[in-house]
Amino acid sequence: MACSFQGLSPTFSGLRSYSSSSATTSLVSLSIFPVNGRKISNAEKIGQKTRNSRVIKVMVQQVVQGASATYAKEMERLSAKESLLLAFKDAGGFEALVTGKTTDMQRIDVNERITGLERLNPTPRPTTSPFLEGRWNFDWIGSGSPGLSAARLLFERFPPTLANLSKMDVLIKDGSAKITTILKLLNSIESKFILSTKLTVEGPLRMKEEYIEGILESPMVDEANIPEQLKGAFGQAVSTVQQLPAPIKDTVARGLKVPLNGTYQRLFMISYLDEEILIIRDAAGIPEVLTRLEAPPSPMESIPEYDS
């Protein structure tokens, strides 16, 4: 019996030796988390962590690059806006435009800056944007615009001291527009013409404008600025108006209305719109640039969507 135990002792010794040497290896090479019925090695875990860290790094880089690109584009847009407004000022503004004092170089410079800003349009569907509503001032009208042609025809026949187009703006609200033109005569008589139009959305960029009514309001007179040689004639005119029958005087006081009933209409495209600048182009591609004067007093709502 003793011999047999001694003979077995090497076997037990060998088992203990193998067990002690492999225990550490087992702890290093095996994990307690099974995947698909097997254990994951530490090497695989390290590789997975490395891959995850690379994915996270790529995602962070993409977010940072995307934010940087967005910021750069916004800075480019703001710079283009400032550049356009400076070009208006260098060209002499609206007064120089309507009186024909702008040069060809100034006009092409403004048109180049208009095109540069249009390609940075931040509003993909401007016809239904709440930014469209509000009061806008006309800062630039293309050389082929009928309104500009009429204004130039007027000022070519009358000197600026006799007639002057002092202001032109438009109020857009609830699918309609009111275009107000203020004409000053002799620097003392202010006459206002208001054109009412209906706006119809025909696409994300395109709208139709129908002219509904024109009103020539009764002129307002600043007697202090009337030239001395005309004060006598002005007094006679006032006396004549006072002697008119009441219905006629009321008509003169309310202004002269010209019903248009949609006889005239035009299509135009909004090529740029943000909270400060509006650029539109008519069917001939002639640009009009407007800057915001004031927003509507009530909260703005989108214009109803167009029917495609």
Protein backbone atom coordinates (compact mmCIF):
# COMPACT_ATOMS: atom_id res chain seq x y z
CA MET A 1 0.00 0.00 0.00
CA ALA A 2 2.81 2.31 0.91
CA CYS A 3 4.51 1.65 -2.38
CA SER A 4 1.39 2.37 -4.27
CA PHE A 5 0.97 5.72 -2.46
CA GLN A 6 4.54 6.61 -3.19
CA GLY A 7 4.04 5.69 -6.77
CA LEU A 8 1.11 7.98 -6.94
CA SER A 9 2.87 10.87 -5.28
CA PRO A 10 4.61 12.11 -8.43
CA THR A 11 1.31 12.18 -10.13
CA PHE A 12 -0.21 14.42 -7.45
CA SER A 13 2.92 16.55 -7.52
CA GLY A 14 2.60 16.98 -11.22
CA LEU A 15 -1.03 17.96 -10.92
CA ARG A 16 -0.22 20.59 -8.29
CA SER A 17 2.55 21.97 -10.45
CA TYR A 18 0.33 22.25 -13.50
CA SER A 19 -2.48 23.80 -11.47
CA SER A 20 -0.30 26.48 -9.92
CA SER A 21 1.29 27.47 -13.22
CA SER A 22 -1.96 27.66 -15.14
CA ALA A 23 -3.99 29.50 -12.50
CA THR A 24 -2.46 32.87 -13.23
CA THR A 25 -2.79 32.32 -16.98
CA SER A 26 -6.44 31.51 -16.54
CA LEU A 27 -7.06 34.71 -14.59
CA VAL A 28 -5.26 36.82 -17.20
CA SER A 29 -6.75 35.28 -20.29
CA LEU A 30 -10.39 34.75 -19.33
CA SER A 31 -13.19 37.13 -18.39
CA ILE A 32 -16.36 36.42 -16.51
CA PHE A 33 -18.65 38.06 -19.16
CA PRO A 34 -19.89 35.57 -21.73
CA VAL A 35 -20.59 36.62 -25.31
CA ASN A 36 -22.27 34.10 -27.60
CA GLY A 37 -21.52 31.37 -25.09
CA ARG A 38 -17.79 32.12 -24.73
CA LYS A 39 -15.65 34.35 -22.60
CA ILE A 40 -13.91 37.48 -23.95
CA SER A 41 -10.20 37.83 -23.53
CA ASN A 42 -8.64 40.95 -22.14
CA ALA A 43 -6.97 41.52 -25.49
CA GLU A 44 -10.39 41.58 -27.15
CA LYS A 45 -11.71 43.93 -24.47
CA ILE A 46 -8.80 46.31 -25.01
CA GLY A 47 -9.35 46.19 -28.77
CA GLN A 48 -13.05 46.96 -28.33
CA LYS A 49 -12.26 49.90 -26.07
CA THR A 50 -9.78 51.20 -28.63
CA ARG A 51 -12.34 50.94 -31.41
CA ASN A 52 -14.99 52.70 -29.27
CA SER A 53 -12.60 55.51 -28.41
CA ARG A 54 -11.79 55.97 -32.10
CA VAL A 55 -15.49 56.14 -33.00
CA ILE A 56 -16.11 58.70 -30.24
CA LYS A 57 -13.11 60.72 -31.40
CA VAL A 58 -14.38 60.74 -34.99
CA MET A 59 -17.85 61.78 -33.83
CA VAL A 60 -16.43 64.63 -31.74
CA GLN A 61 -14.30 65.76 -34.67
CA GLN A 62 -17.36 65.75 -36.96
CA VAL A 63 -19.39 67.79 -34.45
CA VAL A 64 -16.57 70.30 -34.01
CA GLN A 65 -15.99 70.56 -37.76
CA GLY A 66 -19.74 70.95 -38.39
CA ALA A 67 -20.01 73.70 -35.78
CA SER A 68 -16.94 75.44 -37.20
CA ALA A 69 -18.37 75.29 -40.74
CA THR A 70 -21.72 76.68 -39.58
CA TYR A 71 -20.02 79.50 -37.70
CA ALA A 72 -17.81 80.32 -40.70
CA LYS A 73 -20.83 80.43 -43.03
CA GLU A 74 -22.75 82.69 -40.65
CA MET A 75 -19.78 85.06 -40.42
CA GLU A 76 -19.58 85.09 -44.21
CA ARG A 77 -23.29 85.96 -44.44
CA LEU A 78 -23.04 88.80 -41.92
CA SER A 79 -20.01 90.17 -43.74
CA ALA A 80 -21.88 90.03 -47.06
CA LYS A 81 -24.80 91.95 -45.53
CA GLU A 82 -22.53 94.66 -44.18
CA SER A 83 -20.77 94.89 -47.51
CA LEU A 84 -24.06 95.38 -49.36
CA LEU A 85 -25.26 98.11 -47.00
CA LEU A 86 -21.94 99.93 -47.41
CA ALA A 87 -22.28 99.67 -51.19
CA PHE A 88 -25.71 101.36 -50.96
CA LYS A 89 -24.17 104.19 -48.96
CA ASP A 90 -21.26 104.57 -51.38
CA ALA A 91 -23.71 104.74 -54.30
CA GLY A 92 -25.56 107.66 -52.71
CA GLY A 93 -28.55 105.80 -51.34
CA PHE A 94 -32.12 105.72 -52.62
CA GLU A 95 -32.21 109.42 -53.53
CA ALA A 96 -29.20 109.12 -55.84
CA LEU A 97 -30.72 106.01 -57.38
CA VAL A 98 -34.08 107.57 -58.30
CA THR A 99 -32.50 110.79 -59.53
CA GLY A 100 -30.12 108.90 -61.82
CA LYS A 101 -26.94 110.02 -60.05
CA THR A 102 -25.50 106.53 -59.52
CA THR A 103 -22.72 105.53 -61.89
CA ASP A 104 -22.42 102.30 -63.87
CA MET A 105 -19.53 101.23 -61.62
CA GLN A 106 -21.63 101.79 -58.48
CA ARG A 107 -24.59 99.88 -59.93
CA ILE A 108 -22.50 96.87 -60.97
CA ASP A 109 -20.79 96.89 -57.57
CA VAL A 110 -24.16 96.79 -55.78
CA ASN A 111 -25.46 94.06 -58.10
CA GLU A 112 -22.36 91.96 -57.45
CA ARG A 113 -22.87 92.22 -53.70
CA ILE A 114 -26.57 91.39 -54.06
CA THR A 115 -25.67 88.19 -55.89
CA GLY A 116 -23.09 87.32 -53.24
CA LEU A 117 -25.65 87.68 -50.44
CA GLU A 118 -28.36 85.75 -52.28
CA ARG A 119 -26.29 82.57 -52.37
CA LEU A 120 -26.11 82.69 -48.55
CA ASN A 121 -29.89 82.87 -48.11
CA PRO A 122 -30.67 81.35 -44.67
CA THR A 123 -34.42 80.93 -45.31
CA PRO A 124 -35.26 77.96 -47.59
CA ARG A 125 -39.02 78.78 -47.78
CA PRO A 126 -39.22 82.58 -47.57
CA THR A 127 -42.78 82.93 -48.94
CA THR A 128 -44.20 81.23 -45.83
CA SER A 129 -41.66 82.57 -43.35
CA PRO A 130 -42.84 84.86 -40.51
CA PHE A 131 -39.85 87.09 -41.30
CA LEU A 132 -41.65 88.26 -44.46
CA GLU A 133 -44.25 90.27 -42.58
CA GLY A 134 -43.53 93.77 -41.34
CA ARG A 135 -42.69 97.20 -42.72
CA TRP A 136 -39.81 97.36 -45.20
CA ASN A 137 -37.98 100.30 -46.73
CA PHE A 138 -36.91 100.28 -50.39
CA ASP A 139 -33.14 100.75 -50.52
CA TRP A 140 -32.43 99.61 -54.06
CA ILE A 141 -34.48 99.17 -57.23
CA GLY A 142 -32.97 97.64 -60.36
CA SER A 143 -32.40 99.90 -63.35
CA GLY A 144 -35.15 98.19 -65.37
CA SER A 145 -37.86 98.52 -62.72
CA PRO A 146 -41.04 100.32 -63.92
CA GLY A 147 -41.22 102.24 -60.63
CA LEU A 148 -37.67 103.50 -60.97
CA SER A 149 -38.25 104.46 -64.61
CA ALA A 150 -41.34 106.49 -63.64
CA ALA A 151 -39.45 108.22 -60.82
CA ARG A 152 -36.56 109.11 -63.11
CA LEU A 153 -38.99 110.45 -65.72
CA LEU A 154 -40.47 112.73 -63.06
CA PHE A 155 -37.15 114.04 -61.80
CA GLU A 156 -35.77 114.59 -65.28
CA ARG A 157 -38.57 117.14 -65.85
CA PHE A 158 -38.52 118.81 -62.44
CA PRO A 159 -35.51 120.00 -60.41
CA PRO A 160 -35.01 118.49 -56.92
CA THR A 161 -36.05 121.79 -55.30
CA LEU A 162 -39.45 121.45 -57.00
CA ALA A 163 -40.13 117.71 -56.66
CA ASN A 164 -38.42 115.05 -54.57
CA LEU A 165 -39.26 111.40 -53.84
CA SER A 166 -38.41 111.33 -50.14
CA LYS A 167 -39.47 107.83 -49.14
CA MET A 168 -40.84 104.54 -50.40
CA ASP A 169 -41.79 101.63 -48.15
CA VAL A 170 -44.12 98.62 -48.01
CA LEU A 171 -46.12 97.01 -45.21
CA ILE A 172 -46.62 93.25 -45.67
CA LYS A 173 -49.23 91.60 -43.46
CA ASP A 174 -51.93 88.92 -43.72
CA GLY A 175 -51.33 88.17 -47.41
CA SER A 176 -51.51 91.80 -48.54
CA ALA A 177 -49.13 94.68 -49.09
CA LYS A 178 -49.40 98.47 -48.92
CA ILE A 179 -46.74 100.36 -50.84
CA THR A 180 -46.40 103.97 -49.71
CA THR A 181 -44.61 106.60 -51.78
CA ILE A 182 -44.04 110.07 -50.35
CA LEU A 183 -43.45 112.90 -52.82
CA LYS A 184 -42.40 116.35 -51.66
CA LEU A 185 -43.16 119.44 -53.73
CA LEU A 186 -41.34 122.72 -53.13
CA ASN A 187 -40.00 121.21 -49.87
CA SER A 188 -43.29 122.19 -48.25
CA ILE A 189 -46.10 120.11 -49.79
CA GLU A 190 -46.05 116.41 -48.99
CA SER A 191 -48.17 114.14 -51.15
CA LYS A 192 -48.61 110.45 -50.35
CA PHE A 193 -49.60 107.73 -52.79
CA ILE A 194 -50.61 104.32 -51.39
CA LEU A 195 -50.87 101.23 -53.59
CA SER A 196 -52.71 98.24 -52.09
CA THR A 197 -51.94 94.78 -53.43
CA LYS A 198 -52.86 91.16 -52.74
CA LEU A 199 -50.11 88.57 -52.31
CA THR A 200 -50.58 84.92 -53.23
CA VAL A 201 -48.02 82.23 -52.40
CA GLU A 202 -47.23 80.09 -55.45
CA GLY A 203 -44.18 78.19 -54.25
CA PRO A 204 -41.43 78.22 -51.64
CA LEU A 205 -39.78 81.17 -53.44
CA ARG A 206 -42.43 82.53 -55.83
CA MET A 207 -45.37 84.88 -55.16
CA LYS A 208 -47.99 86.65 -57.24
CA GLU A 209 -48.89 90.28 -56.60
CA GLU A 210 -52.22 91.73 -57.76
CA TYR A 211 -52.83 95.48 -57.63
CA ILE A 212 -56.16 96.22 -55.92
CA GLU A 213 -56.38 99.97 -55.33
CA GLY A 214 -54.40 103.18 -55.51
CA ILE A 215 -55.04 106.15 -53.23
CA LEU A 216 -53.63 109.65 -53.70
CA GLU A 217 -54.04 111.23 -50.30
CA SER A 218 -54.80 114.89 -49.81
CA PRO A 219 -51.49 116.78 -49.65
CA MET A 220 -50.15 118.06 -46.34
CA VAL A 221 -48.72 121.57 -46.44
CA ASP A 222 -46.00 123.06 -44.25
CA GLU A 223 -46.89 126.73 -44.62
CA ALA A 224 -43.68 127.88 -42.96
CA ASN A 225 -41.61 126.46 -45.84
CA ILE A 226 -43.72 127.79 -48.71
CA PRO A 227 -41.70 130.22 -50.87
CA GLU A 228 -42.81 133.83 -50.49
CA GLN A 229 -43.68 134.14 -54.19
CA LEU A 230 -46.12 131.23 -53.88
CA LYS A 231 -47.84 132.11 -50.61
CA GLY A 232 -50.44 134.26 -52.39
CA ALA A 233 -51.34 131.46 -54.81
CA PHE A 234 -51.47 129.00 -51.94
CA GLY A 235 -53.91 131.22 -50.03
CA GLN A 236 -56.18 131.45 -53.06
CA ALA A 237 -56.13 127.67 -53.51
CA VAL A 238 -57.08 127.11 -49.86
CA SER A 239 -59.91 129.63 -50.18
CA THR A 240 -61.20 127.91 -53.32
CA VAL A 241 -61.23 124.50 -51.63
CA GLN A 242 -63.13 125.90 -48.65
CA GLN A 243 -65.86 127.18 -51.00
CA LEU A 244 -66.42 123.75 -52.57
CA PRO A 245 -69.60 121.80 -51.75
CA ALA A 246 -69.30 119.54 -48.70
CA PRO A 247 -69.32 116.22 -50.64
CA ILE A 248 -66.47 117.42 -52.85
CA LYS A 249 -64.51 118.72 -49.88
CA ASP A 250 -64.92 115.36 -48.16
CA THR A 251 -63.67 113.60 -51.28
CA VAL A 252 -60.63 115.85 -51.45
CA ALA A 253 -59.95 115.29 -47.75
CA ARG A 254 -60.16 111.50 -48.11
CA GLY A 255 -57.97 111.50 -51.21
CA LEU A 256 -58.45 110.27 -54.72
CA LYS A 257 -59.10 106.52 -55.01
CA VAL A 258 -58.25 104.62 -58.17
CA PRO A 259 -59.78 101.12 -58.23
CA LEU A 260 -57.56 98.63 -60.03
CA ASN A 261 -59.42 95.37 -59.24
CA GLY A 262 -56.47 93.15 -60.05
CA THR A 263 -56.09 94.60 -63.55
CA TYR A 264 -52.34 94.66 -63.11
CA GLN A 265 -50.31 91.86 -61.58
CA ARG A 266 -46.80 90.50 -61.51
CA LEU A 267 -44.83 87.45 -60.41
CA PHE A 268 -41.74 87.81 -58.28
CA MET A 269 -39.28 85.55 -56.49
CA ILE A 270 -37.83 86.04 -53.02
CA SER A 271 -34.12 85.30 -53.42
CA TYR A 272 -33.04 86.30 -49.89
CA LEU A 273 -34.80 86.81 -46.56
CA ASP A 274 -33.65 87.19 -42.98
CA GLU A 275 -34.75 89.34 -40.05
CA GLU A 276 -33.23 92.50 -41.58
CA ILE A 277 -33.00 92.25 -45.39
CA LEU A 278 -35.44 91.20 -48.12
CA ILE A 279 -34.38 90.73 -51.75
CA ILE A 280 -36.90 90.03 -54.49
CA ARG A 281 -36.56 89.64 -58.26
CA ASP A 282 -39.30 90.15 -60.81
CA ALA A 283 -39.92 87.97 -63.86
CA ALA A 284 -37.14 89.80 -65.72
CA GLY A 285 -34.68 89.13 -62.89
CA ILE A 286 -34.49 92.79 -61.79
CA PRO A 287 -33.63 92.97 -58.06
CA GLU A 288 -35.26 95.05 -55.36
CA VAL A 289 -33.57 95.26 -51.96
CA LEU A 290 -35.51 96.23 -48.86
CA THR A 291 -34.41 96.69 -45.24
CA ARG A 292 -36.73 96.21 -42.30
CA LEU A 293 -38.20 99.30 -40.67
CA GLU A 294 -40.42 97.66 -38.08
CA ALA A 295 -41.96 94.30 -37.25
CA PRO A 296 -45.72 93.76 -36.87
CA PRO A 297 -47.07 94.68 -33.42
CA SER A 298 -48.72 91.28 -32.97
CA PRO A 299 -46.90 87.90 -32.94
CA MET A 300 -46.04 86.85 -36.46
CA GLU A 301 -47.58 83.77 -38.01
CA SER A 302 -46.63 81.97 -41.17
CA ILE A 303 -48.51 82.72 -44.37
CA PRO A 304 -50.67 79.75 -45.43
CA GLU A 305 -48.82 77.14 -47.41
CA TYR A 306 -49.08 77.14 -51.18
CA ASP A 307 -50.87 74.44 -53.14
CA SER A 308 -48.34 72.44 -55.10
